[in-house]
Protein backbone atom coordinates (compact mmCIF):
# COMPACT_ATOMS: atom_id res chain seq x y z
CA MET A 1 -2.39 7.18 -13.69
CA PRO A 2 -0.13 5.72 -10.98
CA LEU A 3 -1.23 6.28 -7.41
CA PRO A 4 1.17 7.47 -4.73
CA ARG A 5 2.54 4.89 -2.35
CA GLY A 6 -0.35 3.55 -0.27
CA GLY A 7 -2.94 4.97 -2.66
CA HIS A 8 -4.54 1.62 -3.43
CA ILE A 9 -4.93 0.88 0.28
CA ALA A 10 -6.55 4.28 0.79
CA ILE A 11 -9.08 3.48 -1.95
CA ARG A 12 -9.88 0.14 -0.33
CA GLU A 13 -10.37 1.75 3.08
CA ALA A 14 -12.58 4.50 1.64
CA VAL A 15 -14.79 2.05 -0.25
CA LEU A 16 -15.26 -0.24 2.74
CA ALA A 17 -15.90 2.72 5.06
CA GLN A 18 -18.55 4.12 2.74
CA PHE A 19 -20.24 0.95 1.53
CA GLY A 20 -19.26 -1.63 4.13
CA GLU A 21 -20.05 -5.30 4.02
CA LEU A 22 -23.81 -4.84 3.65
CA THR A 23 -23.84 -2.74 0.49
CA GLY A 24 -21.39 -4.38 -1.85
CA GLY A 25 -18.57 -5.40 0.44
CA GLU A 26 -18.70 -8.89 -1.03
CA VAL A 27 -18.08 -7.41 -4.50
CA PHE A 28 -15.21 -5.19 -3.29
CA ARG A 29 -13.61 -7.81 -1.01
CA PRO A 30 -11.39 -9.28 -3.79
CA TYR A 31 -9.87 -5.83 -4.43
CA ASP A 32 -7.40 -6.21 -1.57
CA ARG A 33 -6.26 -9.65 -2.74
CA LEU A 34 -5.95 -8.39 -6.33
CA ARG A 35 -4.00 -5.36 -5.09
CA ARG A 36 -1.59 -7.49 -3.06
CA ARG A 37 -1.12 -9.95 -5.91
CA ARG A 38 -0.42 -7.17 -8.40
CA ASN A 39 2.13 -5.78 -5.97
CA ASP A 40 3.78 -9.21 -5.62
CA ILE A 41 4.12 -9.50 -9.39
CA GLU A 42 5.14 -5.90 -10.02
CA TYR A 43 7.74 -5.84 -7.22
CA PRO A 44 8.85 -9.47 -6.87
CA ASP A 45 11.27 -10.68 -4.25
CA GLY A 46 11.77 -13.81 -6.34
CA ALA A 47 10.45 -15.34 -9.55
CA THR A 48 6.73 -14.51 -9.34
CA SER A 49 4.22 -14.69 -12.14
CA ALA A 50 0.52 -15.28 -12.65
CA ASP A 51 -0.88 -18.18 -14.62
CA GLU A 52 -3.71 -17.84 -17.13
CA ALA A 53 -6.39 -19.03 -14.68
CA GLU A 54 -5.32 -16.46 -12.08
CA VAL A 55 -5.37 -13.69 -14.67
CA ASP A 56 -8.82 -14.74 -15.90
CA GLU A 57 -10.18 -14.79 -12.34
CA GLY A 58 -8.63 -11.42 -11.59
CA LEU A 59 -10.16 -9.89 -14.71
CA GLU A 60 -13.57 -11.32 -13.83
CA ARG A 61 -13.44 -9.95 -10.29
CA ALA A 62 -12.12 -6.57 -11.44
CA ALA A 63 -14.96 -6.33 -13.98
CA ALA A 64 -17.48 -7.06 -11.20
CA ILE A 65 -15.95 -4.31 -9.03
CA VAL A 66 -16.11 -1.78 -11.89
CA ALA A 67 -19.70 -2.75 -12.78
CA TYR A 68 -20.82 -2.38 -9.17
CA ALA A 69 -19.01 0.95 -8.80
CA GLU A 70 -20.70 2.25 -11.97
CA ARG A 71 -24.10 1.42 -10.48
CA LEU A 72 -23.19 3.18 -7.21
CA ILE A 73 -22.16 6.44 -8.87
CA ASP A 74 -25.78 7.40 -9.55
CA HIS A 75 -26.60 7.05 -5.84
CA LEU A 76 -23.74 9.11 -4.41
CA PRO A 77 -24.31 12.66 -3.20
CA PRO A 78 -22.66 15.42 -5.23
CA TYR A 79 -19.36 16.79 -3.97
């Protein structure tokens, strides 16, 4: 599902506000770079693309973010 404009930044800010640097910030830190890079490729000002190594690294980092988030879910208070 597409997020509204600025939605990805809001997610980043919420995650860092809740979990900060001490509780997984190092895992979530690449999210912002991945978000900006995806934006560069999706809305290029020029000829922009990602090479295979960049895609592989992005997938690895995204998988780490998802795995960490899955572990956190059990520790969050109910809504």
